[in-house]
């Protein structure tokens, strides 16, 4: 199959998936596996749908998600707990960055 046909087929699949999600009013995170980040003030971040930890220091925690990398920056950062589905990070959160 040619490269153009593969790209077009991928676009059609994404459009169909998007239409199904919208028409059934499904949460986007379920269909796409999107990362969900919930920040509570500057002291706590809950991350759902991550794949793994890439880097872990007191100043930076970098995570791999299905679609990108997420970096939590701050001071005295600590992974308070983690499961296969979610992770709780505490400390003084200074920023949340999304990368490739």
PDB file of N, CA and C in Angstrom:
ATOM      1  N   UNK A   1       0.853  -1.162   0.000  1.00  0.00           N
ATOM      2  CA  UNK A   1       0.000   0.000   0.000  1.00  0.00           C
ATOM      3  C   UNK A   1       0.905   1.233   0.000  1.00  0.00           C
ATOM      4  N   UNK A   2       0.533   2.233  -0.813  1.00  0.00           N
ATOM      5  CA  UNK A   2       1.324   3.440  -0.929  1.00  0.00           C
ATOM      6  C   UNK A   2       1.243   4.295   0.322  1.00  0.00           C
ATOM      7  N   UNK A   3       2.252   5.144   0.481  1.00  0.00           N
ATOM      8  CA  UNK A   3       2.322   6.021   1.655  1.00  0.00           C
ATOM      9  C   UNK A   3       1.099   6.941   1.748  1.00  0.00           C
ATOM     10  N   UNK A   4       0.663   7.503   0.618  1.00  0.00           N
ATOM     11  CA  UNK A   4      -0.501   8.392   0.624  1.00  0.00           C
ATOM     12  C   UNK A   4      -1.764   7.656   1.045  1.00  0.00           C
ATOM     13  N   UNK A   5      -1.931   6.424   0.575  1.00  0.00           N
ATOM     14  CA  UNK A   5      -3.110   5.641   0.948  1.00  0.00           C
ATOM     15  C   UNK A   5      -3.096   5.324   2.439  1.00  0.00           C
ATOM     16  N   UNK A   6      -1.914   5.043   2.987  1.00  0.00           N
ATOM     17  CA  UNK A   6      -1.807   4.760   4.417  1.00  0.00           C
ATOM     18  C   UNK A   6      -2.183   5.992   5.241  1.00  0.00           C
ATOM     19  N   UNK A   7      -1.688   7.148   4.820  1.00  0.00           N
ATOM     20  CA  UNK A   7      -2.007   8.390   5.528  1.00  0.00           C
ATOM     21  C   UNK A   7      -3.501   8.663   5.460  1.00  0.00           C
ATOM     22  N   UNK A   8      -4.080   8.511   4.275  1.00  0.00           N
ATOM     23  CA  UNK A   8      -5.511   8.758   4.095  1.00  0.00           C
ATOM     24  C   UNK A   8      -6.338   7.780   4.926  1.00  0.00           C
ATOM     25  N   UNK A   9      -5.956   6.506   4.941  1.00  0.00           N
ATOM     26  CA  UNK A   9      -6.654   5.492   5.726  1.00  0.00           C
ATOM     27  C   UNK A   9      -6.586   5.841   7.216  1.00  0.00           C
ATOM     28  N   UNK A  10      -5.438   6.298   7.685  1.00  0.00           N
ATOM     29  CA  UNK A  10      -5.284   6.701   9.079  1.00  0.00           C
ATOM     30  C   UNK A  10      -6.216   7.879   9.394  1.00  0.00           C
ATOM     31  N   UNK A  11      -6.305   8.851   8.497  1.00  0.00           N
ATOM     32  CA  UNK A  11      -7.175  10.008   8.695  1.00  0.00           C
ATOM     33  C   UNK A  11      -8.649   9.586   8.765  1.00  0.00           C
ATOM     34  N   UNK A  12      -9.033   8.681   7.898  1.00  0.00           N
ATOM     35  CA  UNK A  12     -10.418   8.194   7.887  1.00  0.00           C
ATOM     36  C   UNK A  12     -10.727   7.483   9.202  1.00  0.00           C
ATOM     37  N   UNK A  13      -9.806   6.644   9.672  1.00  0.00           N
ATOM     38  CA  UNK A  13     -10.010   5.938  10.942  1.00  0.00           C
ATOM     39  C   UNK A  13     -10.159   6.914  12.095  1.00  0.00           C
ATOM     40  N   UNK A  14      -9.315   7.937  12.127  1.00  0.00           N
ATOM     41  CA  UNK A  14      -9.394   8.932  13.193  1.00  0.00           C
ATOM     42  C   UNK A  14     -10.709   9.699  13.133  1.00  0.00           C
ATOM     43  N   UNK A  15     -11.182  10.016  11.931  1.00  0.00           N
ATOM     44  CA  UNK A  15     -12.459  10.710  11.787  1.00  0.00           C
ATOM     45  C   UNK A  15     -13.615   9.839  12.272  1.00  0.00           C
ATOM     46  N   UNK A  16     -13.586   8.560  11.929  1.00  0.00           N
ATOM     47  CA  UNK A  16     -14.633   7.638  12.379  1.00  0.00           C
ATOM     48  C   UNK A  16     -14.610   7.530  13.896  1.00  0.00           C
ATOM     49  N   UNK A  17     -13.424   7.363  14.469  1.00  0.00           N
ATOM     50  CA  UNK A  17     -13.295   7.266  15.923  1.00  0.00           C
ATOM     51  C   UNK A  17     -13.808   8.536  16.594  1.00  0.00           C
ATOM     52  N   UNK A  18     -13.452   9.676  16.049  1.00  0.00           N
ATOM     53  CA  UNK A  18     -13.901  10.958  16.593  1.00  0.00           C
ATOM     54  C   UNK A  18     -15.423  11.079  16.536  1.00  0.00           C
ATOM     55  N   UNK A  19     -16.016  10.668  15.422  1.00  0.00           N
ATOM     56  CA  UNK A  19     -17.475  10.725  15.276  1.00  0.00           C
ATOM     57  C   UNK A  19     -18.179   9.804  16.271  1.00  0.00           C
ATOM     58  N   UNK A  20     -17.617   8.635  16.501  1.00  0.00           N
ATOM     59  CA  UNK A  20     -18.199   7.692  17.454  1.00  0.00           C
ATOM     60  C   UNK A  20     -18.137   8.274  18.868  1.00  0.00           C
ATOM     61  N   UNK A  21     -16.978   8.821  19.224  1.00  0.00           N
ATOM     62  CA  UNK A  21     -16.811   9.412  20.555  1.00  0.00           C
ATOM     63  C   UNK A  21     -17.821  10.528  20.768  1.00  0.00           C
ATOM     64  N   UNK A  22     -17.971  11.401  19.782  1.00  0.00           N
ATOM     65  CA  UNK A  22     -18.908  12.521  19.909  1.00  0.00           C
ATOM     66  C   UNK A  22     -20.359  12.049  19.965  1.00  0.00           C
ATOM     67  N   UNK A  23     -20.740  11.132  19.077  1.00  0.00           N
ATOM     68  CA  UNK A  23     -22.140  10.717  19.016  1.00  0.00           C
ATOM     69  C   UNK A  23     -22.555   9.912  20.248  1.00  0.00           C
ATOM     70  N   UNK A  24     -21.662   9.131  20.800  1.00  0.00           N
ATOM     71  CA  UNK A  24     -21.981   8.348  21.999  1.00  0.00           C
ATOM     72  C   UNK A  24     -21.663   9.102  23.285  1.00  0.00           C
ATOM     73  N   UNK A  25     -21.111  10.310  23.127  1.00  0.00           N
ATOM     74  CA  UNK A  25     -20.737  11.150  24.261  1.00  0.00           C
ATOM     75  C   UNK A  25     -19.829  10.409  25.236  1.00  0.00           C
ATOM     76  N   UNK A  26     -18.840   9.700  24.674  1.00  0.00           N
ATOM     77  CA  UNK A  26     -17.876   8.979  25.491  1.00  0.00           C
ATOM     78  C   UNK A  26     -16.775   9.925  25.952  1.00  0.00           C
ATOM     79  N   UNK A  27     -16.208   9.670  27.128  1.00  0.00           N
ATOM     80  CA  UNK A  27     -15.067  10.481  27.561  1.00  0.00           C
ATOM     81  C   UNK A  27     -13.884  10.276  26.614  1.00  0.00           C
ATOM     82  N   UNK A  28     -13.238  11.359  26.237  1.00  0.00           N
ATOM     83  CA  UNK A  28     -12.129  11.295  25.293  1.00  0.00           C
ATOM     84  C   UNK A  28     -10.987  10.448  25.834  1.00  0.00           C
ATOM     85  N   UNK A  29     -10.723  10.529  27.136  1.00  0.00           N
ATOM     86  CA  UNK A  29      -9.602   9.782  27.701  1.00  0.00           C
ATOM     87  C   UNK A  29      -9.780   8.276  27.551  1.00  0.00           C
ATOM     88  N   UNK A  30     -11.019   7.793  27.546  1.00  0.00           N
ATOM     89  CA  UNK A  30     -11.250   6.357  27.398  1.00  0.00           C
ATOM     90  C   UNK A  30     -10.923   5.907  25.974  1.00  0.00           C
ATOM     91  N   UNK A  31     -11.395   6.638  24.985  1.00  0.00           N
ATOM     92  CA  UNK A  31     -11.181   6.231  23.591  1.00  0.00           C
ATOM     93  C   UNK A  31      -9.747   6.438  23.122  1.00  0.00           C
ATOM     94  N   UNK A  32      -9.116   7.502  23.562  1.00  0.00           N
ATOM     95  CA  UNK A  32      -7.789   7.832  23.062  1.00  0.00           C
ATOM     96  C   UNK A  32      -6.677   7.534  24.054  1.00  0.00           C
ATOM     97  N   UNK A  33      -7.018   7.182  25.264  1.00  0.00           N
ATOM     98  CA  UNK A  33      -6.002   6.930  26.273  1.00  0.00           C
ATOM     99  C   UNK A  33      -5.271   8.199  26.669  1.00  0.00           C
ATOM    100  N   UNK A  34      -5.947   9.332  26.598  1.00  0.00           N
ATOM    101  CA  UNK A  34      -5.319  10.615  26.888  1.00  0.00           C
ATOM    102  C   UNK A  34      -4.921  10.709  28.353  1.00  0.00           C
ATOM    103  N   UNK A  35      -3.821  11.395  28.590  1.00  0.00           N
ATOM    104  CA  UNK A  35      -3.370  11.634  29.951  1.00  0.00           C
ATOM    105  C   UNK A  35      -4.324  12.626  30.621  1.00  0.00           C
ATOM    106  N   UNK A  36      -4.615  12.381  31.888  1.00  0.00           N
ATOM    107  CA  UNK A  36      -5.443  13.280  32.677  1.00  0.00           C
ATOM    108  C   UNK A  36      -4.584  13.777  33.827  1.00  0.00           C
ATOM    109  N   UNK A  37      -4.447  15.095  33.922  1.00  0.00           N
ATOM    110  CA  UNK A  37      -3.644  15.690  34.980  1.00  0.00           C
ATOM    111  C   UNK A  37      -4.544  16.595  35.813  1.00  0.00           C
ATOM    112  N   UNK A  38      -4.590  16.310  37.105  1.00  0.00           N
ATOM    113  CA  UNK A  38      -5.395  17.107  38.022  1.00  0.00           C
ATOM    114  C   UNK A  38      -4.460  17.736  39.043  1.00  0.00           C
ATOM    115  N   UNK A  39      -4.348  19.062  38.992  1.00  0.00           N
ATOM    116  CA  UNK A  39      -3.506  19.782  39.950  1.00  0.00           C
ATOM    117  C   UNK A  39      -4.394  20.350  41.040  1.00  0.00           C
ATOM    118  N   UNK A  40      -4.002  20.121  42.288  1.00  0.00           N
ATOM    119  CA  UNK A  40      -4.705  20.681  43.429  1.00  0.00           C
ATOM    120  C   UNK A  40      -3.766  21.698  44.065  1.00  0.00           C
ATOM    121  N   UNK A  41      -4.037  22.968  43.776  1.00  0.00           N
ATOM    122  CA  UNK A  41      -3.146  24.020  44.249  1.00  0.00           C
ATOM    123  C   UNK A  41      -1.759  23.842  43.659  1.00  0.00           C
ATOM    124  N   UNK A  42      -0.757  24.211  44.417  1.00  0.00           N
ATOM    125  CA  UNK A  42       0.630  24.063  43.972  1.00  0.00           C
ATOM    126  C   UNK A  42       1.306  22.877  44.642  1.00  0.00           C
ATOM    127  N   UNK A  43       0.553  22.140  45.448  1.00  0.00           N
ATOM    128  CA  UNK A  43       1.185  21.104  46.240  1.00  0.00           C
ATOM    129  C   UNK A  43       0.942  19.678  45.823  1.00  0.00           C
ATOM    130  N   UNK A  44       0.063  19.451  44.852  1.00  0.00           N
ATOM    131  CA  UNK A  44      -0.281  18.069  44.507  1.00  0.00           C
ATOM    132  C   UNK A  44      -0.729  17.957  43.067  1.00  0.00           C
ATOM    133  N   UNK A  45      -0.276  16.900  42.402  1.00  0.00           N
ATOM    134  CA  UNK A  45      -0.693  16.592  41.036  1.00  0.00           C
ATOM    135  C   UNK A  45      -1.048  15.120  40.975  1.00  0.00           C
ATOM    136  N   UNK A  46      -2.205  14.822  40.392  1.00  0.00           N
ATOM    137  CA  UNK A  46      -2.617  13.447  40.154  1.00  0.00           C
ATOM    138  C   UNK A  46      -2.557  13.210  38.650  1.00  0.00           C
ATOM    139  N   UNK A  47      -1.812  12.196  38.224  1.00  0.00           N
ATOM    140  CA  UNK A  47      -1.641  11.889  36.805  1.00  0.00           C
ATOM    141  C   UNK A  47      -2.272  10.527  36.530  1.00  0.00           C
ATOM    142  N   UNK A  48      -3.180  10.499  35.556  1.00  0.00           N
ATOM    143  CA  UNK A  48      -3.826   9.247  35.156  1.00  0.00           C
ATOM    144  C   UNK A  48      -3.454   8.925  33.715  1.00  0.00           C
ATOM    145  N   UNK A  49      -3.429   7.665  33.371  1.00  0.00           N
ATOM    146  CA  UNK A  49      -3.127   7.169  32.020  1.00  0.00           C
ATOM    147  C   UNK A  49      -1.690   7.447  31.599  1.00  0.00           C
ATOM    148  N   UNK A  50      -0.752   7.216  32.486  1.00  0.00           N
ATOM    149  CA  UNK A  50       0.660   7.332  32.111  1.00  0.00           C
ATOM    150  C   UNK A  50       1.200   5.931  31.827  1.00  0.00           C
ATOM    151  N   UNK A  51       2.323   5.862  31.118  1.00  0.00           N
ATOM    152  CA  UNK A  51       2.908   4.558  30.790  1.00  0.00           C
ATOM    153  C   UNK A  51       4.102   4.231  31.669  1.00  0.00           C
ATOM    154  N   UNK A  52       4.897   5.254  32.003  1.00  0.00           N
ATOM    155  CA  UNK A  52       6.073   4.980  32.816  1.00  0.00           C
ATOM    156  C   UNK A  52       6.815   6.235  33.211  1.00  0.00           C
ATOM    157  N   UNK A  53       7.756   6.051  34.148  1.00  0.00           N
ATOM    158  CA  UNK A  53       8.588   7.154  34.621  1.00  0.00           C
ATOM    159  C   UNK A  53       9.888   7.136  33.830  1.00  0.00           C
ATOM    160  N   UNK A  54      10.233   8.273  33.220  1.00  0.00           N
ATOM    161  CA  UNK A  54      11.469   8.403  32.455  1.00  0.00           C
ATOM    162  C   UNK A  54      12.579   8.984  33.320  1.00  0.00           C
ATOM    163  N   UNK A  55      12.241   9.987  34.127  1.00  0.00           N
ATOM    164  CA  UNK A  55      13.222  10.680  34.962  1.00  0.00           C
ATOM    165  C   UNK A  55      12.551  11.052  36.273  1.00  0.00           C
ATOM    166  N   UNK A  56      13.303  10.911  37.373  1.00  0.00           N
ATOM    167  CA  UNK A  56      12.729  11.203  38.683  1.00  0.00           C
ATOM    168  C   UNK A  56      13.792  11.830  39.574  1.00  0.00           C
ATOM    169  N   UNK A  57      13.665  13.136  39.822  1.00  0.00           N
ATOM    170  CA  UNK A  57      14.510  13.841  40.774  1.00  0.00           C
ATOM    171  C   UNK A  57      13.597  14.696  41.648  1.00  0.00           C
ATOM    172  N   UNK A  58      14.177  15.380  42.623  1.00  0.00           N
ATOM    173  CA  UNK A  58      13.372  16.246  43.481  1.00  0.00           C
ATOM    174  C   UNK A  58      12.907  17.496  42.750  1.00  0.00           C
ATOM    175  N   UNK A  59      13.547  17.814  41.609  1.00  0.00           N
ATOM    176  CA  UNK A  59      13.188  19.007  40.843  1.00  0.00           C
ATOM    177  C   UNK A  59      12.391  18.703  39.581  1.00  0.00           C
ATOM    178  N   UNK A  60      12.398  17.450  39.132  1.00  0.00           N
ATOM    179  CA  UNK A  60      11.743  17.116  37.865  1.00  0.00           C
ATOM    180  C   UNK A  60      11.309  15.660  37.855  1.00  0.00           C
ATOM    181  N   UNK A  61      10.057  15.461  37.441  1.00  0.00           N
ATOM    182  CA  UNK A  61       9.556  14.101  37.211  1.00  0.00           C
ATOM    183  C   UNK A  61       9.015  14.084  35.795  1.00  0.00           C
ATOM    184  N   UNK A  62       9.643  13.253  34.952  1.00  0.00           N
ATOM    185  CA  UNK A  62       9.243  13.180  33.538  1.00  0.00           C
ATOM    186  C   UNK A  62       8.583  11.827  33.298  1.00  0.00           C
ATOM    187  N   UNK A  63       7.379  11.878  32.714  1.00  0.00           N
ATOM    188  CA  UNK A  63       6.576  10.683  32.489  1.00  0.00           C
ATOM    189  C   UNK A  63       6.312  10.475  31.003  1.00  0.00           C
ATOM    190  N   UNK A  64       6.204   9.223  30.610  1.00  0.00           N
ATOM    191  CA  UNK A  64       5.799   8.883  29.248  1.00  0.00           C
ATOM    192  C   UNK A  64       4.323   8.558  29.274  1.00  0.00           C
ATOM    193  N   UNK A  65       3.572   9.176  28.345  1.00  0.00           N
ATOM    194  CA  UNK A  65       2.161   8.850  28.187  1.00  0.00           C
ATOM    195  C   UNK A  65       2.002   8.206  26.808  1.00  0.00           C
ATOM    196  N   UNK A  66       0.798   7.894  26.451  1.00  0.00           N
ATOM    197  CA  UNK A  66       0.558   7.264  25.149  1.00  0.00           C
ATOM    198  C   UNK A  66       0.920   8.192  23.994  1.00  0.00           C
ATOM    199  N   UNK A  67       0.692   9.487  24.169  1.00  0.00           N
ATOM    200  CA  UNK A  67       0.871  10.425  23.061  1.00  0.00           C
ATOM    201  C   UNK A  67       2.031  11.393  23.217  1.00  0.00           C
ATOM    202  N   UNK A  68       2.550  11.578  24.436  1.00  0.00           N
ATOM    203  CA  UNK A  68       3.614  12.563  24.633  1.00  0.00           C
ATOM    204  C   UNK A  68       4.330  12.300  25.953  1.00  0.00           C
ATOM    205  N   UNK A  69       5.290  13.176  26.254  1.00  0.00           N
ATOM    206  CA  UNK A  69       5.938  13.158  27.556  1.00  0.00           C
ATOM    207  C   UNK A  69       5.422  14.340  28.363  1.00  0.00           C
ATOM    208  N   UNK A  70       5.275  14.137  29.664  1.00  0.00           N
ATOM    209  CA  UNK A  70       4.825  15.181  30.565  1.00  0.00           C
ATOM    210  C   UNK A  70       5.898  15.358  31.631  1.00  0.00           C
ATOM    211  N   UNK A  71       6.286  16.614  31.859  1.00  0.00           N
ATOM    212  CA  UNK A  71       7.295  16.916  32.870  1.00  0.00           C
ATOM    213  C   UNK A  71       6.666  17.775  33.955  1.00  0.00           C
ATOM    214  N   UNK A  72       6.797  17.320  35.185  1.00  0.00           N
ATOM    215  CA  UNK A  72       6.362  18.084  36.352  1.00  0.00           C
ATOM    216  C   UNK A  72       7.628  18.695  36.935  1.00  0.00           C
ATOM    217  N   UNK A  73       7.656  20.028  37.052  1.00  0.00           N
ATOM    218  CA  UNK A  73       8.829  20.709  37.592  1.00  0.00           C
ATOM    219  C   UNK A  73       8.468  21.348  38.922  1.00  0.00           C
ATOM    220  N   UNK A  74       9.439  21.403  39.833  1.00  0.00           N
ATOM    221  CA  UNK A  74       9.208  22.023  41.118  1.00  0.00           C
ATOM    222  C   UNK A  74      10.345  21.756  42.072  1.00  0.00           C
ATOM    223  N   UNK A  75      10.041  21.820  43.360  1.00  0.00           N
ATOM    224  CA  UNK A  75      11.026  21.525  44.391  1.00  0.00           C
ATOM    225  C   UNK A  75      10.435  20.511  45.358  1.00  0.00           C
ATOM    226  N   UNK A  76      11.316  19.711  45.926  1.00  0.00           N
ATOM    227  CA  UNK A  76      10.910  18.672  46.887  1.00  0.00           C
ATOM    228  C   UNK A  76       9.826  17.755  46.325  1.00  0.00           C
ATOM    229  N   UNK A  77       9.919  17.442  45.034  1.00  0.00           N
ATOM    230  CA  UNK A  77       8.920  16.576  44.407  1.00  0.00           C
ATOM    231  C   UNK A  77       9.068  15.146  44.911  1.00  0.00           C
ATOM    232  N   UNK A  78       7.937  14.511  45.111  1.00  0.00           N
ATOM    233  CA  UNK A  78       7.911  13.151  45.625  1.00  0.00           C
ATOM    234  C   UNK A  78       6.739  12.408  44.997  1.00  0.00           C
ATOM    235  N   UNK A  79       6.998  11.213  44.505  1.00  0.00           N
ATOM    236  CA  UNK A  79       5.907  10.348  44.051  1.00  0.00           C
ATOM    237  C   UNK A  79       5.373   9.678  45.314  1.00  0.00           C
ATOM    238  N   UNK A  80       4.236  10.167  45.755  1.00  0.00           N
ATOM    239  CA  UNK A  80       3.654   9.665  47.004  1.00  0.00           C
ATOM    240  C   UNK A  80       3.155   8.235  46.835  1.00  0.00           C
ATOM    241  N   UNK A  81       2.511   7.957  45.700  1.00  0.00           N
ATOM    242  CA  UNK A  81       2.127   6.591  45.368  1.00  0.00           C
ATOM    243  C   UNK A  81       1.908   6.490  43.867  1.00  0.00           C
ATOM    244  N   UNK A  82       1.952   5.266  43.355  1.00  0.00           N
ATOM    245  CA  UNK A  82       1.618   5.029  41.954  1.00  0.00           C
ATOM    246  C   UNK A  82       1.055   3.630  41.795  1.00  0.00           C
ATOM    247  N   UNK A  83       0.157   3.521  40.842  1.00  0.00           N
ATOM    248  CA  UNK A  83      -0.408   2.234  40.447  1.00  0.00           C
ATOM    249  C   UNK A  83      -0.252   2.140  38.930  1.00  0.00           C
ATOM    250  N   UNK A  84      -0.805   1.116  38.340  1.00  0.00           N
ATOM    251  CA  UNK A  84      -0.770   1.001  36.878  1.00  0.00           C
ATOM    252  C   UNK A  84      -1.598   2.086  36.208  1.00  0.00           C
ATOM    253  N   UNK A  85      -2.562   2.659  36.926  1.00  0.00           N
ATOM    254  CA  UNK A  85      -3.474   3.629  36.332  1.00  0.00           C
ATOM    255  C   UNK A  85      -3.167   5.078  36.698  1.00  0.00           C
ATOM    256  N   UNK A  86      -2.655   5.315  37.920  1.00  0.00           N
ATOM    257  CA  UNK A  86      -2.477   6.699  38.346  1.00  0.00           C
ATOM    258  C   UNK A  86      -1.257   6.875  39.244  1.00  0.00           C
ATOM    259  N   UNK A  87      -0.886   8.155  39.409  1.00  0.00           N
ATOM    260  CA  UNK A  87       0.270   8.507  40.219  1.00  0.00           C
ATOM    261  C   UNK A  87      -0.018   9.821  40.927  1.00  0.00           C
ATOM    262  N   UNK A  88       0.370   9.907  42.201  1.00  0.00           N
ATOM    263  CA  UNK A  88       0.210  11.147  42.961  1.00  0.00           C
ATOM    264  C   UNK A  88       1.593  11.723  43.242  1.00  0.00           C
ATOM    265  N   UNK A  89       1.785  12.978  42.815  1.00  0.00           N
ATOM    266  CA  UNK A  89       3.044  13.680  43.015  1.00  0.00           C
ATOM    267  C   UNK A  89       2.780  14.845  43.960  1.00  0.00           C
ATOM    268  N   UNK A  90       3.622  14.970  44.986  1.00  0.00           N
ATOM    269  CA  UNK A  90       3.498  16.086  45.913  1.00  0.00           C
ATOM    270  C   UNK A  90       4.799  16.876  45.926  1.00  0.00           C
ATOM    271  N   UNK A  91       4.731  18.068  46.479  1.00  0.00           N
ATOM    272  CA  UNK A  91       5.878  18.969  46.552  1.00  0.00           C
ATOM    273  C   UNK A  91       5.419  20.363  46.174  1.00  0.00           C
ATOM    274  N   UNK A  92       6.360  21.225  45.868  1.00  0.00           N
ATOM    275  CA  UNK A  92       6.025  22.576  45.416  1.00  0.00           C
ATOM    276  C   UNK A  92       6.050  22.567  43.887  1.00  0.00           C
ATOM    277  N   UNK A  93       4.888  22.476  43.261  1.00  0.00           N
ATOM    278  CA  UNK A  93       4.775  22.368  41.808  1.00  0.00           C
ATOM    279  C   UNK A  93       4.962  23.745  41.192  1.00  0.00           C
ATOM    280  N   UNK A  94       5.930  23.855  40.278  1.00  0.00           N
ATOM    281  CA  UNK A  94       6.194  25.125  39.603  1.00  0.00           C
ATOM    282  C   UNK A  94       5.742  25.121  38.154  1.00  0.00           C
ATOM    283  N   UNK A  95       5.598  23.941  37.562  1.00  0.00           N
ATOM    284  CA  UNK A  95       5.157  23.903  36.176  1.00  0.00           C
ATOM    285  C   UNK A  95       4.877  22.493  35.700  1.00  0.00           C
ATOM    286  N   UNK A  96       4.038  22.425  34.682  1.00  0.00           N
ATOM    287  CA  UNK A  96       3.706  21.171  34.000  1.00  0.00           C
ATOM    288  C   UNK A  96       3.936  21.414  32.523  1.00  0.00           C
ATOM    289  N   UNK A  97       4.852  20.638  31.934  1.00  0.00           N
ATOM    290  CA  UNK A  97       5.222  20.826  30.530  1.00  0.00           C
ATOM    291  C   UNK A  97       4.868  19.583  29.716  1.00  0.00           C
ATOM    292  N   UNK A  98       4.420  19.812  28.496  1.00  0.00           N
ATOM    293  CA  UNK A  98       4.117  18.728  27.561  1.00  0.00           C
ATOM    294  C   UNK A  98       5.157  18.764  26.455  1.00  0.00           C
ATOM    295  N   UNK A  99       5.732  17.599  26.136  1.00  0.00           N
ATOM    296  CA  UNK A  99       6.739  17.528  25.084  1.00  0.00           C
ATOM    297  C   UNK A  99       6.446  16.410  24.121  1.00  0.00           C
ATOM    298  N   UNK A 100       7.311  16.275  23.158  1.00  0.00           N
ATOM    299  CA  UNK A 100       7.108  15.237  22.129  1.00  0.00           C
ATOM    300  C   UNK A 100       7.238  13.830  22.664  1.00  0.00           C
TER     301      UNK A 100
END
